[in-house]
N, C-alpha and C. Protein backbone atom coordinates (compact mmCIF):
# COMPACT_ATOMS: atom_id res chain seq x y z
N MET A 1 -25.60 12.44 50.60
CA MET A 1 -24.61 12.02 49.69
C MET A 1 -23.60 13.41 49.32
N SER A 2 -22.54 13.28 49.41
CA SER A 2 -21.78 14.24 49.25
C SER A 2 -21.34 14.90 47.70
N ASP A 3 -21.24 16.11 47.79
CA ASP A 3 -21.27 16.73 46.59
C ASP A 3 -19.53 16.98 46.25
N SER A 4 -18.83 16.54 47.32
CA SER A 4 -17.39 16.69 46.91
C SER A 4 -16.72 15.97 46.03
N ASP A 5 -15.74 16.62 45.39
CA ASP A 5 -15.21 15.97 44.33
C ASP A 5 -14.06 14.75 44.69
N ASP A 6 -13.66 14.86 45.94
CA ASP A 6 -13.31 13.61 46.87
C ASP A 6 -13.80 12.40 46.58
N ASP A 7 -15.13 12.53 46.09
CA ASP A 7 -15.51 10.98 45.89
C ASP A 7 -15.48 10.55 44.32
N VAL A 8 -14.84 11.05 43.78
CA VAL A 8 -14.87 10.87 42.06
C VAL A 8 -13.43 10.35 41.88
N PRO A 9 -13.46 9.25 41.43
CA PRO A 9 -12.13 8.32 41.11
C PRO A 9 -11.37 9.38 40.19
N GLN A 10 -9.67 9.48 40.60
CA GLN A 10 -9.04 10.11 39.78
C GLN A 10 -7.72 9.49 38.89
N LEU A 11 -7.72 9.57 37.89
CA LEU A 11 -6.56 9.10 36.79
C LEU A 11 -5.36 9.44 37.59
N PRO A 12 -4.40 8.34 37.68
CA PRO A 12 -3.00 8.93 37.71
C PRO A 12 -2.64 10.09 36.74
N ALA A 13 -1.69 10.53 37.05
CA ALA A 13 -1.55 11.80 36.21
C ALA A 13 -0.60 11.34 34.76
N ASP A 14 0.15 10.12 34.92
CA ASP A 14 0.79 9.67 33.37
C ASP A 14 -0.26 8.90 32.69
N THR A 15 -1.37 8.27 33.36
CA THR A 15 -2.16 7.84 32.76
C THR A 15 -3.32 8.80 31.73
N LEU A 16 -3.76 9.78 32.40
CA LEU A 16 -4.29 11.11 31.95
C LEU A 16 -3.44 11.69 30.61
N ALA A 17 -1.84 11.69 31.15
CA ALA A 17 -1.24 12.35 30.05
C ALA A 17 -1.35 11.53 28.80
N ALA A 18 -1.28 10.10 28.70
CA ALA A 18 -1.26 9.18 27.96
C ALA A 18 -2.73 9.35 26.92
N LEU A 19 -3.61 9.46 27.78
CA LEU A 19 -4.87 9.59 27.10
C LEU A 19 -5.26 10.83 26.68
N GLN A 20 -4.19 11.69 27.11
CA GLN A 20 -4.92 13.01 26.42
C GLN A 20 -3.87 13.31 25.13
N GLU A 21 -2.72 12.44 24.90
CA GLU A 21 -1.83 12.55 23.63
C GLU A 21 -2.48 11.65 22.51
N PHE A 22 -3.26 10.57 23.17
CA PHE A 22 -3.90 9.75 22.30
C PHE A 22 -5.40 10.25 21.67
N TYR A 23 -5.80 11.04 22.14
CA TYR A 23 -6.99 11.83 21.65
C TYR A 23 -6.57 12.97 20.77
N ALA A 24 -5.55 13.51 21.27
CA ALA A 24 -4.93 14.50 20.34
C ALA A 24 -4.42 14.10 18.85
N LEU A 25 -3.82 12.79 18.98
CA LEU A 25 -3.42 12.46 17.92
C LEU A 25 -4.62 11.95 17.03
N GLN A 26 -5.49 11.22 17.70
CA GLN A 26 -6.79 10.97 17.07
C GLN A 26 -7.53 12.06 16.26
N ALA A 27 -7.29 13.43 16.97
CA ALA A 27 -8.32 14.47 16.41
C ALA A 27 -7.08 15.03 15.31
N ALA A 28 -6.06 14.99 15.35
CA ALA A 28 -5.09 15.36 14.28
C ALA A 28 -5.41 14.32 12.90
N LYS A 29 -5.52 13.23 13.31
CA LYS A 29 -5.67 12.47 11.79
C LYS A 29 -7.01 12.75 11.51
N GLU A 30 -7.87 13.01 12.16
CA GLU A 30 -9.38 13.25 11.98
C GLU A 30 -9.37 14.45 10.81
N GLU A 31 -8.60 15.46 11.32
CA GLU A 31 -8.52 16.61 10.81
C GLU A 31 -7.90 16.50 9.33
N GLN A 32 -6.72 15.75 9.38
CA GLN A 32 -5.87 15.42 8.03
C GLN A 32 -7.05 14.43 7.20
N MET A 33 -7.56 13.60 7.61
CA MET A 33 -8.79 12.99 6.86
C MET A 33 -9.80 14.12 6.03
N GLN A 34 -10.18 14.59 6.75
CA GLN A 34 -11.28 15.73 6.42
C GLN A 34 -10.50 16.88 5.31
N THR A 35 -9.32 17.29 5.81
CA THR A 35 -8.75 17.99 4.97
C THR A 35 -8.36 17.20 3.22
N MET A 36 -8.24 15.60 3.40
CA MET A 36 -8.21 14.96 2.29
C MET A 36 -9.10 15.12 1.65
N LEU A 37 -10.27 14.58 2.44
CA LEU A 37 -11.67 14.55 1.75
C LEU A 37 -12.04 15.79 0.92
N ALA A 38 -11.83 16.95 1.48
CA ALA A 38 -11.99 18.24 0.88
C ALA A 38 -11.10 18.28 -0.26
N GLY A 39 -10.18 17.76 -0.62
CA GLY A 39 -9.26 17.94 -1.82
C GLY A 39 -8.34 18.29 -1.64
N ASP A 40 -7.56 18.65 -0.56
CA ASP A 40 -6.35 19.02 -0.20
C ASP A 40 -5.54 17.77 0.20
N VAL A 41 -4.18 17.44 -0.61
CA VAL A 41 -3.92 16.11 -0.25
C VAL A 41 -2.92 16.17 0.60
N VAL A 42 -2.86 15.27 1.59
CA VAL A 42 -2.05 15.27 2.86
C VAL A 42 -1.37 13.94 2.70
N GLU A 43 0.03 14.06 2.42
CA GLU A 43 0.68 12.75 1.97
C GLU A 43 0.95 12.05 3.02
N GLY A 44 1.15 10.57 2.72
CA GLY A 44 1.75 9.70 3.75
C GLY A 44 0.65 8.51 4.45
N THR A 45 1.09 7.32 4.59
CA THR A 45 0.05 6.67 5.18
C THR A 45 -0.30 6.84 6.58
N GLY A 46 0.14 7.76 7.27
CA GLY A 46 0.04 7.91 8.88
C GLY A 46 -1.39 8.58 8.98
N VAL A 47 -1.99 9.13 7.99
CA VAL A 47 -3.42 9.46 8.49
C VAL A 47 -4.33 8.14 8.27
N VAL A 48 -4.14 7.24 7.67
CA VAL A 48 -4.92 5.97 7.52
C VAL A 48 -4.06 4.93 8.25
N ASP A 49 -4.78 4.28 9.61
CA ASP A 49 -3.94 3.18 10.58
C ASP A 49 -4.06 2.14 9.61
N GLU A 50 -3.09 1.20 10.03
CA GLU A 50 -3.01 -0.35 9.64
C GLU A 50 -4.21 -1.05 10.00
N ASP A 51 -4.73 -2.02 9.13
CA ASP A 51 -6.02 -2.41 9.62
C ASP A 51 -5.31 -4.00 9.48
N TRP A 52 -5.18 -4.82 10.64
CA TRP A 52 -4.29 -5.89 10.76
C TRP A 52 -5.55 -6.96 10.32
N GLN A 53 -6.67 -6.90 10.47
CA GLN A 53 -7.61 -7.80 9.71
C GLN A 53 -7.48 -7.92 8.29
N LEU A 54 -7.27 -6.86 7.97
CA LEU A 54 -6.91 -6.70 6.52
C LEU A 54 -5.78 -7.11 6.15
N SER A 55 -4.65 -7.58 6.94
CA SER A 55 -3.16 -7.81 6.69
C SER A 55 -2.54 -6.63 6.14
N GLN A 56 -2.79 -5.23 6.73
CA GLN A 56 -1.91 -4.36 6.15
C GLN A 56 -1.03 -3.87 7.01
N PHE A 57 0.14 -4.00 6.38
CA PHE A 57 1.27 -3.30 7.12
C PHE A 57 2.12 -2.59 6.16
N TRP A 58 2.01 -1.20 6.51
CA TRP A 58 2.82 -0.17 5.70
C TRP A 58 4.37 -0.45 5.55
N TYR A 59 4.82 -0.02 4.44
CA TYR A 59 6.05 0.10 4.20
C TYR A 59 6.82 1.12 4.85
N ASP A 60 8.05 0.97 5.27
CA ASP A 60 8.83 2.28 6.07
C ASP A 60 9.18 3.18 4.77
N GLU A 61 9.57 4.36 5.25
CA GLU A 61 9.91 5.45 4.33
C GLU A 61 11.05 5.23 3.41
N ASN A 62 11.90 4.56 3.37
CA ASN A 62 13.13 4.06 2.71
C ASN A 62 12.60 3.09 1.58
N THR A 63 11.78 2.25 1.93
CA THR A 63 11.22 1.21 1.16
C THR A 63 10.39 1.74 0.22
N ALA A 64 9.35 2.67 0.65
CA ALA A 64 8.33 3.31 -0.43
C ALA A 64 9.35 4.19 -1.20
N THR A 65 10.20 5.05 -0.90
CA THR A 65 10.92 5.61 -1.61
C THR A 65 11.74 4.63 -2.98
N VAL A 66 12.43 3.57 -2.50
CA VAL A 66 13.01 3.20 -3.29
C VAL A 66 12.33 2.62 -4.49
N LEU A 67 11.03 1.95 -4.06
CA LEU A 67 9.83 1.50 -5.06
C LEU A 67 9.82 2.48 -5.81
N ALA A 68 9.21 3.67 -5.67
CA ALA A 68 8.55 4.86 -6.27
C ALA A 68 9.67 5.07 -7.33
N GLN A 69 10.76 5.30 -6.88
CA GLN A 69 12.10 5.57 -7.57
C GLN A 69 12.08 4.50 -8.72
N GLU A 70 12.13 3.18 -8.67
CA GLU A 70 12.12 2.13 -9.53
C GLU A 70 10.75 2.46 -10.54
N VAL A 71 10.00 2.68 -9.96
CA VAL A 71 8.42 2.90 -10.72
C VAL A 71 8.67 3.73 -11.87
N LEU A 72 9.32 4.97 -11.11
CA LEU A 72 9.40 6.28 -12.32
C LEU A 72 10.73 6.04 -13.24
N ARG A 73 11.64 5.19 -12.86
CA ARG A 73 12.80 5.08 -13.82
C ARG A 73 11.92 3.91 -15.08
N VAL A 74 11.29 2.94 -14.58
CA VAL A 74 10.37 2.33 -15.64
C VAL A 74 9.25 3.41 -16.56
N THR A 75 8.45 3.96 -15.88
CA THR A 75 7.50 4.53 -16.17
C THR A 75 7.66 5.93 -17.03
N GLY A 76 8.80 6.59 -16.49
CA GLY A 76 9.26 7.69 -17.19
C GLY A 76 7.81 8.69 -16.67
N GLU A 77 8.03 10.04 -17.45
CA GLU A 77 7.23 11.24 -16.93
C GLU A 77 5.65 10.65 -17.69
N THR A 78 5.50 9.77 -18.49
CA THR A 78 4.27 9.86 -19.10
C THR A 78 3.63 8.17 -19.16
N GLY A 79 4.38 7.11 -18.32
CA GLY A 79 3.90 6.21 -18.11
C GLY A 79 2.69 5.60 -17.30
N ARG A 80 2.23 4.33 -17.46
CA ARG A 80 1.12 3.97 -16.34
C ARG A 80 1.79 3.09 -15.49
N VAL A 81 1.40 3.22 -14.03
CA VAL A 81 1.74 2.12 -13.31
C VAL A 81 0.28 1.78 -12.53
N ALA A 82 0.16 0.30 -12.22
CA ALA A 82 -0.65 0.25 -11.26
C ALA A 82 -0.29 -0.30 -9.96
N CYS A 83 -0.63 0.04 -8.91
CA CYS A 83 -0.32 -0.27 -7.60
C CYS A 83 -1.26 -1.15 -7.05
N LEU A 84 -1.35 -2.41 -7.03
CA LEU A 84 -2.02 -3.58 -6.53
C LEU A 84 -1.99 -3.85 -5.20
N CYS A 85 -2.52 -3.31 -4.09
CA CYS A 85 -2.82 -4.02 -2.81
C CYS A 85 -1.55 -3.28 -2.11
N CYS A 86 -1.01 -2.05 -2.81
CA CYS A 86 0.36 -1.60 -1.80
C CYS A 86 0.04 0.01 -1.85
N PRO A 87 -0.83 0.40 -0.87
CA PRO A 87 -0.94 2.02 -0.80
C PRO A 87 0.02 2.85 -0.28
N THR A 88 0.89 2.20 0.23
CA THR A 88 2.19 2.88 0.78
C THR A 88 3.00 3.68 -0.68
N LEU A 89 3.00 2.41 -1.64
CA LEU A 89 3.77 3.04 -2.49
C LEU A 89 2.99 4.13 -3.37
N TYR A 90 1.82 3.85 -3.93
CA TYR A 90 0.68 4.93 -4.38
C TYR A 90 0.91 6.13 -3.53
N GLN A 91 0.86 6.41 -2.24
CA GLN A 91 0.96 7.78 -1.72
C GLN A 91 2.38 8.15 -1.97
N LYS A 92 3.64 7.29 -2.10
CA LYS A 92 4.63 8.00 -2.35
C LYS A 92 4.84 8.32 -3.76
N LEU A 93 4.23 7.62 -4.64
CA LEU A 93 4.08 8.20 -6.29
C LEU A 93 3.53 9.33 -5.99
N ARG A 94 2.34 9.81 -5.62
CA ARG A 94 1.86 11.01 -5.55
C ARG A 94 2.67 12.19 -5.48
N GLU A 95 3.68 12.10 -4.25
CA GLU A 95 4.55 12.57 -3.94
C GLU A 95 5.61 12.99 -5.08
N LEU A 96 5.96 12.39 -5.88
CA LEU A 96 7.17 12.28 -6.62
C LEU A 96 6.92 12.20 -8.01
N LYS A 97 6.09 11.64 -8.72
CA LYS A 97 5.70 11.70 -10.02
C LYS A 97 5.26 13.05 -10.91
N ALA A 98 5.50 13.06 -11.87
CA ALA A 98 4.96 14.26 -12.73
C ALA A 98 3.55 13.86 -12.84
N ASP A 99 2.86 15.08 -13.03
CA ASP A 99 1.25 15.22 -13.28
C ASP A 99 1.12 14.41 -14.74
N THR A 100 2.09 14.17 -15.32
CA THR A 100 1.55 13.20 -16.67
C THR A 100 1.86 11.80 -16.75
N CYS A 101 2.25 11.50 -15.16
CA CYS A 101 2.44 9.99 -15.26
C CYS A 101 1.07 9.52 -14.52
N THR A 102 0.41 8.32 -14.87
CA THR A 102 -0.66 8.17 -14.45
C THR A 102 -0.22 6.93 -13.35
N ALA A 103 -0.90 6.94 -12.16
CA ALA A 103 -0.89 5.94 -11.10
C ALA A 103 -2.46 5.53 -10.60
N ILE A 104 -2.43 4.21 -10.39
CA ILE A 104 -3.67 3.88 -9.99
C ILE A 104 -3.58 3.00 -8.95
N LEU A 105 -4.28 3.32 -7.68
CA LEU A 105 -4.29 2.24 -6.60
C LEU A 105 -5.49 1.46 -6.61
N LEU A 106 -5.07 -0.11 -6.78
CA LEU A 106 -6.43 -1.11 -6.72
C LEU A 106 -6.20 -1.71 -5.26
N GLU A 107 -7.49 -1.41 -4.58
CA GLU A 107 -7.19 -1.83 -2.92
C GLU A 107 -8.68 -1.98 -2.29
N PHE A 108 -8.75 -3.04 -1.58
CA PHE A 108 -9.82 -3.52 -1.03
C PHE A 108 -10.52 -2.36 0.06
N ASP A 109 -9.41 -1.88 0.73
CA ASP A 109 -9.79 -0.81 1.83
C ASP A 109 -10.72 0.25 1.51
N LYS A 110 -11.73 0.76 1.48
CA LYS A 110 -12.45 1.39 0.92
C LYS A 110 -12.13 2.99 1.51
N ARG A 111 -11.40 3.04 2.45
CA ARG A 111 -10.68 4.47 3.27
C ARG A 111 -9.99 4.87 2.21
N PHE A 112 -9.39 4.45 1.20
CA PHE A 112 -8.73 4.84 0.13
C PHE A 112 -9.24 5.60 -0.92
N GLU A 113 -10.71 5.54 -0.76
CA GLU A 113 -11.56 6.03 -2.00
C GLU A 113 -11.10 7.83 -1.85
N MET A 114 -10.69 8.08 -0.78
CA MET A 114 -10.31 9.71 -0.86
C MET A 114 -9.32 10.06 -1.75
N TYR A 115 -8.95 9.21 -2.53
CA TYR A 115 -7.99 9.35 -3.78
C TYR A 115 -8.75 9.49 -5.16
N GLY A 116 -10.28 9.50 -5.10
CA GLY A 116 -10.98 9.67 -6.07
C GLY A 116 -10.78 8.54 -7.20
N LYS A 117 -10.70 9.45 -8.51
CA LYS A 117 -10.47 8.30 -9.69
C LYS A 117 -9.57 7.59 -9.56
N ASP A 118 -8.26 7.86 -9.00
CA ASP A 118 -7.30 7.02 -8.87
C ASP A 118 -7.39 5.62 -7.91
N PHE A 119 -8.50 5.51 -7.14
CA PHE A 119 -8.61 4.55 -6.49
C PHE A 119 -9.62 3.33 -7.30
N VAL A 120 -9.39 2.17 -7.50
CA VAL A 120 -10.37 1.22 -7.74
C VAL A 120 -10.34 0.21 -6.91
N PHE A 121 -11.82 -0.04 -6.69
CA PHE A 121 -12.04 -1.01 -5.59
C PHE A 121 -11.29 -2.26 -6.06
N TYR A 122 -10.74 -3.03 -5.34
CA TYR A 122 -10.34 -4.55 -5.79
C TYR A 122 -10.35 -5.66 -4.73
N ASP A 123 -10.84 -6.70 -5.09
CA ASP A 123 -11.20 -7.94 -4.15
C ASP A 123 -10.51 -8.99 -4.84
N TYR A 124 -9.45 -9.48 -4.39
CA TYR A 124 -8.53 -10.43 -5.06
C TYR A 124 -9.52 -11.91 -5.26
N LYS A 125 -10.43 -11.76 -4.74
CA LYS A 125 -11.58 -13.27 -4.86
C LYS A 125 -12.06 -13.26 -5.96
N GLU A 126 -12.14 -11.76 -6.66
CA GLU A 126 -12.77 -11.60 -8.01
C GLU A 126 -11.62 -10.99 -8.76
N PRO A 127 -10.88 -11.55 -9.15
CA PRO A 127 -9.38 -11.04 -10.06
C PRO A 127 -9.56 -10.24 -11.18
N LEU A 128 -10.50 -10.25 -11.64
CA LEU A 128 -11.04 -9.72 -12.95
C LEU A 128 -12.10 -9.05 -13.30
N ASP A 129 -12.78 -8.73 -11.94
CA ASP A 129 -13.93 -7.66 -11.77
C ASP A 129 -13.20 -6.38 -11.90
N LEU A 130 -13.19 -5.90 -12.59
CA LEU A 130 -12.57 -4.39 -12.83
C LEU A 130 -13.38 -3.56 -13.73
N PRO A 131 -13.49 -2.23 -13.41
CA PRO A 131 -14.18 -1.16 -14.27
C PRO A 131 -13.64 -1.44 -15.79
N GLN A 132 -14.63 -1.25 -16.40
CA GLN A 132 -14.36 -1.31 -18.18
C GLN A 132 -13.06 -0.25 -18.54
N VAL A 133 -12.98 0.73 -17.62
CA VAL A 133 -12.05 1.76 -18.49
C VAL A 133 -10.48 1.37 -18.27
N ILE A 134 -10.43 0.12 -17.25
CA ILE A 134 -9.16 -0.43 -17.18
C ILE A 134 -8.90 -1.55 -18.29
N LYS A 135 -8.19 -1.16 -18.97
CA LYS A 135 -8.06 -2.07 -20.61
C LYS A 135 -7.10 -3.09 -20.10
N SER A 136 -7.05 -4.29 -20.72
CA SER A 136 -6.04 -5.34 -20.72
C SER A 136 -4.64 -4.73 -21.43
N GLN A 137 -3.89 -5.25 -20.38
CA GLN A 137 -2.28 -5.01 -20.78
C GLN A 137 -2.09 -3.76 -21.01
N SER A 138 -2.68 -2.64 -20.15
CA SER A 138 -2.52 -1.18 -20.60
C SER A 138 -1.57 -0.71 -19.50
N PHE A 139 -0.81 -1.26 -18.70
CA PHE A 139 0.15 -0.52 -17.66
C PHE A 139 1.66 -1.10 -17.91
N ASP A 140 2.38 -0.06 -18.10
CA ASP A 140 3.73 -0.38 -18.14
C ASP A 140 4.59 -1.02 -17.38
N LEU A 141 3.92 -0.92 -15.91
CA LEU A 141 4.68 -1.48 -14.81
C LEU A 141 3.33 -1.63 -13.79
N VAL A 142 3.32 -3.06 -13.48
CA VAL A 142 2.15 -3.42 -12.17
C VAL A 142 3.09 -3.71 -10.68
N VAL A 143 2.85 -3.05 -9.74
CA VAL A 143 3.71 -3.53 -8.38
C VAL A 143 2.25 -3.92 -7.65
N ALA A 144 2.56 -5.20 -7.12
CA ALA A 144 1.80 -6.09 -6.38
C ALA A 144 2.24 -6.42 -5.03
N ASP A 145 1.52 -6.30 -4.03
CA ASP A 145 1.81 -6.44 -2.57
C ASP A 145 0.93 -7.33 -1.90
N PRO A 146 0.35 -8.55 -2.20
CA PRO A 146 -1.01 -9.11 -1.93
C PRO A 146 -1.13 -9.49 -0.44
N PRO A 147 -2.15 -9.39 0.01
CA PRO A 147 -2.27 -9.31 1.47
C PRO A 147 -2.13 -10.40 2.26
N PHE A 148 -2.16 -11.61 1.45
CA PHE A 148 -2.01 -12.68 2.63
C PHE A 148 -1.01 -13.81 1.66
N LEU A 149 -0.41 -14.96 2.24
CA LEU A 149 0.20 -15.76 1.47
C LEU A 149 -0.31 -17.20 1.30
N SER A 150 -1.76 -16.89 1.15
CA SER A 150 -2.51 -18.28 0.90
C SER A 150 -2.04 -18.31 -0.55
N GLU A 151 -2.12 -19.86 -1.14
CA GLU A 151 -1.95 -19.95 -2.53
C GLU A 151 -3.09 -19.79 -3.28
N GLU A 152 -4.44 -19.50 -2.92
CA GLU A 152 -5.56 -18.84 -3.68
C GLU A 152 -5.30 -17.51 -3.85
N CYS A 153 -4.75 -16.86 -2.76
CA CYS A 153 -4.65 -15.18 -2.89
C CYS A 153 -3.67 -14.88 -4.38
N HIS A 154 -2.39 -15.60 -3.98
CA HIS A 154 -1.47 -15.39 -4.79
C HIS A 154 -1.91 -15.88 -6.56
N GLU A 155 -2.64 -17.11 -6.68
CA GLU A 155 -3.03 -17.43 -7.71
C GLU A 155 -4.07 -16.45 -8.54
N LYS A 156 -4.76 -15.79 -7.86
CA LYS A 156 -6.09 -14.82 -8.34
C LYS A 156 -5.12 -13.69 -8.68
N VAL A 157 -4.36 -13.19 -7.69
CA VAL A 157 -3.74 -11.92 -7.65
C VAL A 157 -2.71 -11.96 -9.25
N ALA A 158 -2.44 -13.08 -9.43
CA ALA A 158 -1.44 -13.41 -10.57
C ALA A 158 -2.41 -13.39 -11.59
N GLN A 159 -3.64 -13.50 -11.74
CA GLN A 159 -4.66 -13.54 -12.85
C GLN A 159 -4.64 -11.84 -12.99
N THR A 160 -4.80 -11.19 -11.92
CA THR A 160 -5.04 -9.88 -12.10
C THR A 160 -3.81 -9.34 -12.93
N ILE A 161 -2.72 -9.39 -12.37
CA ILE A 161 -1.62 -9.09 -13.15
C ILE A 161 -1.46 -9.34 -14.55
N LYS A 162 -1.49 -10.72 -14.89
CA LYS A 162 -1.78 -10.67 -16.40
C LYS A 162 -2.41 -10.14 -17.11
N TYR A 163 -3.89 -9.74 -16.82
CA TYR A 163 -4.59 -8.83 -17.48
C TYR A 163 -4.01 -7.48 -17.50
N LEU A 164 -3.33 -6.84 -16.21
CA LEU A 164 -3.20 -5.20 -16.23
C LEU A 164 -1.70 -4.94 -16.94
N ALA A 165 -0.71 -5.80 -16.98
CA ALA A 165 0.58 -5.76 -17.16
C ALA A 165 1.01 -5.80 -18.81
N LYS A 166 1.51 -4.84 -19.52
CA LYS A 166 2.19 -5.12 -20.75
C LYS A 166 3.09 -6.13 -20.84
N GLU A 167 4.05 -6.10 -19.60
CA GLU A 167 5.18 -6.99 -19.44
C GLU A 167 5.68 -6.77 -18.08
N LYS A 168 6.24 -5.86 -17.52
CA LYS A 168 7.07 -5.76 -16.22
C LYS A 168 6.10 -5.78 -15.04
N VAL A 169 6.80 -6.56 -14.12
CA VAL A 169 5.99 -6.64 -12.83
C VAL A 169 7.12 -6.67 -11.86
N VAL A 170 6.45 -5.82 -10.63
CA VAL A 170 7.49 -6.24 -9.28
C VAL A 170 6.12 -6.62 -8.33
N TYR A 171 6.80 -7.45 -7.34
CA TYR A 171 6.06 -8.43 -6.84
C TYR A 171 6.67 -8.67 -5.07
N CYS A 172 6.02 -7.90 -4.12
CA CYS A 172 6.40 -7.86 -2.94
C CYS A 172 5.70 -8.75 -2.25
N THR A 173 6.52 -9.54 -1.38
CA THR A 173 5.51 -10.76 -0.56
C THR A 173 6.76 -11.65 0.20
N GLY A 174 6.25 -12.63 0.74
CA GLY A 174 7.16 -13.51 1.57
C GLY A 174 8.23 -14.42 0.70
N ALA A 175 9.16 -14.29 1.43
CA ALA A 175 10.42 -15.36 0.80
C ALA A 175 9.98 -16.51 0.57
N VAL A 176 9.12 -17.15 1.10
CA VAL A 176 8.44 -18.69 0.94
C VAL A 176 7.72 -18.83 -0.46
N MET A 177 7.52 -17.62 -1.05
CA MET A 177 6.72 -17.67 -2.43
C MET A 177 7.63 -17.71 -3.33
N GLU A 178 8.82 -17.77 -3.32
CA GLU A 178 9.85 -17.69 -4.61
C GLU A 178 9.67 -18.67 -5.68
N LYS A 179 9.58 -19.87 -5.13
CA LYS A 179 9.60 -20.85 -6.39
C LYS A 179 8.20 -20.91 -7.03
N GLU A 180 7.12 -20.77 -6.44
CA GLU A 180 6.01 -20.44 -6.89
C GLU A 180 5.54 -19.25 -7.85
N LEU A 181 6.37 -18.05 -7.49
CA LEU A 181 6.44 -16.71 -8.24
C LEU A 181 7.13 -17.03 -9.58
N GLU A 182 8.25 -17.79 -9.53
CA GLU A 182 9.26 -18.17 -10.79
C GLU A 182 8.12 -18.96 -11.64
N LYS A 183 7.42 -19.89 -11.12
CA LYS A 183 6.69 -20.90 -11.98
C LYS A 183 5.64 -20.25 -12.56
N LYS A 184 4.88 -19.50 -11.70
CA LYS A 184 3.66 -18.59 -12.02
C LYS A 184 3.65 -17.67 -13.06
N LEU A 185 4.70 -16.67 -12.58
CA LEU A 185 4.91 -15.38 -13.37
C LEU A 185 6.42 -15.34 -13.96
N GLY A 186 7.03 -16.29 -13.46
CA GLY A 186 8.67 -15.76 -14.16
C GLY A 186 9.43 -14.73 -13.21
N LEU A 187 9.04 -14.65 -12.48
CA LEU A 187 9.68 -13.88 -11.46
C LEU A 187 10.93 -14.25 -10.55
N LYS A 188 11.98 -13.48 -10.54
CA LYS A 188 13.11 -13.26 -9.83
C LYS A 188 13.33 -12.83 -8.81
N VAL A 189 14.12 -13.24 -7.40
CA VAL A 189 14.08 -12.44 -6.29
C VAL A 189 15.09 -11.26 -6.46
N CYS A 190 14.76 -10.04 -6.10
CA CYS A 190 15.64 -8.98 -6.22
C CYS A 190 16.39 -8.77 -5.00
N LYS A 191 17.74 -8.04 -5.26
CA LYS A 191 18.70 -7.62 -3.79
C LYS A 191 18.12 -7.00 -2.96
N PHE A 192 17.27 -5.97 -3.31
CA PHE A 192 16.70 -4.97 -2.30
C PHE A 192 15.58 -5.79 -1.50
N GLN A 193 15.69 -5.63 -0.40
CA GLN A 193 14.84 -5.91 0.44
C GLN A 193 13.86 -5.11 1.30
N PRO A 194 12.44 -5.23 0.91
CA PRO A 194 11.72 -3.93 1.46
C PRO A 194 11.48 -4.11 3.22
N LYS A 195 11.10 -3.30 3.79
CA LYS A 195 11.03 -3.27 5.12
C LYS A 195 9.50 -2.23 5.79
N HIS A 196 9.11 -2.85 6.68
CA HIS A 196 7.96 -2.14 7.01
C HIS A 196 8.17 -1.08 7.97
N GLU A 197 7.07 -0.55 8.54
CA GLU A 197 7.35 0.55 9.72
C GLU A 197 7.08 -0.60 11.00
N ARG A 198 6.55 -1.80 10.80
CA ARG A 198 6.37 -2.78 11.99
C ARG A 198 7.14 -4.00 11.04
N ASN A 199 8.07 -4.41 12.05
CA ASN A 199 8.76 -5.65 11.55
C ASN A 199 7.88 -6.52 11.64
N LEU A 200 8.05 -7.49 10.33
CA LEU A 200 7.00 -8.86 10.23
C LEU A 200 7.83 -10.13 10.59
N ALA A 201 6.98 -10.87 11.41
CA ALA A 201 7.68 -12.35 11.52
C ALA A 201 8.16 -13.05 10.22
N ASN A 202 7.67 -12.90 9.15
CA ASN A 202 8.21 -13.72 7.74
C ASN A 202 9.12 -12.74 7.27
N GLU A 203 10.20 -13.50 6.37
CA GLU A 203 11.05 -12.70 6.06
C GLU A 203 10.38 -12.39 4.83
N PHE A 204 10.56 -10.84 3.96
CA PHE A 204 9.76 -10.43 3.04
C PHE A 204 10.86 -9.90 1.97
N ARG A 205 10.38 -10.30 0.78
CA ARG A 205 11.35 -10.15 -0.36
C ARG A 205 10.61 -9.29 -1.56
N CYS A 206 11.36 -8.96 -2.47
CA CYS A 206 10.83 -8.11 -3.76
C CYS A 206 11.33 -9.01 -5.00
N PHE A 207 10.56 -9.27 -5.76
CA PHE A 207 10.65 -10.06 -7.14
C PHE A 207 10.07 -9.21 -8.25
N ALA A 208 10.50 -9.63 -9.40
CA ALA A 208 10.63 -8.95 -10.57
C ALA A 208 10.93 -10.01 -11.85
N ASN A 209 10.18 -9.82 -13.07
CA ASN A 209 10.67 -10.10 -13.99
C ASN A 209 11.18 -9.43 -15.31
N TYR A 210 12.16 -8.42 -14.76
CA TYR A 210 12.75 -7.67 -15.70
C TYR A 210 14.10 -7.44 -15.01
N ASP A 211 15.34 -6.78 -15.73
CA ASP A 211 16.63 -6.19 -14.89
C ASP A 211 15.85 -4.91 -14.34
N THR A 212 15.94 -4.85 -13.02
CA THR A 212 15.41 -3.81 -12.21
C THR A 212 16.70 -2.93 -11.76
N GLY A 213 16.27 -1.74 -11.40
CA GLY A 213 17.56 -1.04 -10.42
C GLY A 213 17.10 -1.21 -9.02
N LEU A 214 16.74 -2.41 -8.74
CA LEU A 214 16.61 -3.01 -7.15
C LEU A 214 17.60 -3.94 -6.83
N ASP A 215 18.89 -4.36 -7.77
CA ASP A 215 19.67 -5.34 -7.66
C ASP A 215 21.04 -4.58 -7.55
N SER A 216 20.96 -3.35 -7.31
CA SER A 216 22.23 -2.70 -7.36
C SER A 216 22.89 -2.49 -5.72
């Protein structure tokens, strides 16, 4: 048996370079995650990959910024907002909001537990299974982006919204839900059209039950 390296299969140079780039990116993400877990915030969803099995699709930068600005227009520096299944928006709010403004993330994906007390585990199948510290109608604005287009999902998310919201709601989902949302929550479609980092097959729209800054 030969000890020569000639007998060891060699990867093509471009394949090897692609693998090295992939491992470098994974190492960078792991370092960012450890930094966040240590309490030093690294902003942006890029540190957490989309999980398509959970129907996760992150907003693009412009969409996250526009929605966050609308939230802050409504809540001001001392208001309260609940981000229901929309971690991209929550993360943008962390960058922009005053410390006196309260934002919480209700989310099924426990990778976002890194946000500590701002994270509330949420399973839409149990729409009112919430911690006692979250009081009824205690949020100036609720922004929701349900993970699925099924009727069951939207009905149960609507129950959660009715519990959380004082009145104002912004709701991002497929355009096909327009009639159902108007009937269930009194929501009207906005002119602003949310976009994602990866384009979706279905037309995606934003809805609200008040005069927003999303219609300009």
